[in-house]
Amino acid sequence: MALPASGLSRLLASRRIQPADISAAATWGVAAGSAAIYLVQPFDWIKKTFFEKPEAEA
């Protein structure tokens, strides 16, 4: 059952952002970020950048 174009636009225009929408967007963002880190695995860069002390130049 398809809605006419005017009915569909009215339905989308009247919709408000719900807390569940924000929660879902945050969850998908965390999932996407975790997947990106898993795929790239920048652990050497993180270790060098944040945990190792730079050598003192003479």
Protein backbone atom coordinates (compact mmCIF):
# COMPACT_ATOMS: atom_id res chain seq x y z
CA MET A 1 0.00 0.00 0.00
CA ALA A 2 1.72 3.15 -1.20
CA LEU A 3 0.99 6.59 0.13
CA PRO A 4 0.42 9.42 -2.31
CA ALA A 5 3.28 11.91 -2.54
CA SER A 6 1.40 14.55 -0.57
CA GLY A 7 0.58 12.10 2.21
CA LEU A 8 4.17 10.88 2.44
CA SER A 9 5.61 14.39 2.59
CA ARG A 10 3.06 15.35 5.26
CA LEU A 11 4.00 12.26 7.29
CA LEU A 12 7.73 13.02 7.10
CA ALA A 13 7.28 16.73 7.82
CA SER A 14 5.22 16.10 10.95
CA ARG A 15 7.66 13.62 12.47
CA ARG A 16 9.65 14.85 15.47
CA ILE A 17 13.00 13.52 16.63
CA GLN A 18 12.42 11.03 19.42
CA PRO A 19 14.92 9.99 22.13
CA ALA A 20 15.00 6.53 20.54
CA ASP A 21 16.25 8.12 17.28
CA ILE A 22 19.12 9.82 19.11
CA SER A 23 19.97 6.60 20.94
CA ALA A 24 19.95 4.63 17.70
CA ALA A 25 22.18 7.19 15.97
CA ALA A 26 24.65 7.12 18.88
CA THR A 27 24.68 3.32 18.87
CA TRP A 28 25.32 3.19 15.12
CA GLY A 29 28.08 5.79 15.52
CA VAL A 30 29.83 3.74 18.18
CA ALA A 31 29.47 0.61 16.05
CA ALA A 32 30.89 2.39 12.99
CA GLY A 33 33.79 3.83 14.98
CA SER A 34 34.60 0.47 16.52
CA ALA A 35 34.50 -1.22 13.11
CA ALA A 36 36.81 1.44 11.66
CA ILE A 37 39.33 1.00 14.47
CA TYR A 38 39.13 -2.78 14.09
CA LEU A 39 39.75 -2.57 10.35
CA VAL A 40 42.61 -0.06 10.56
CA GLN A 41 44.14 -1.25 13.87
CA PRO A 42 46.34 1.81 14.56
CA PHE A 43 47.70 0.39 17.81
CA ASP A 44 51.36 1.09 16.98
CA TRP A 45 50.56 4.73 16.20
CA ILE A 46 48.51 5.06 19.40
CA LYS A 47 51.31 3.53 21.45
CA LYS A 48 53.96 5.79 19.89
CA THR A 49 51.84 8.91 20.17
CA PHE A 50 50.43 8.61 23.66
CA PHE A 51 52.50 6.16 25.70
CA GLU A 52 56.14 6.33 24.61
CA LYS A 53 58.25 9.25 25.73
CA PRO A 54 60.14 11.02 22.94
CA GLU A 55 63.89 10.72 22.98
CA ALA A 56 65.70 13.82 24.19
CA GLU A 57 67.70 15.49 21.44
CA ALA A 58 71.24 16.47 22.36
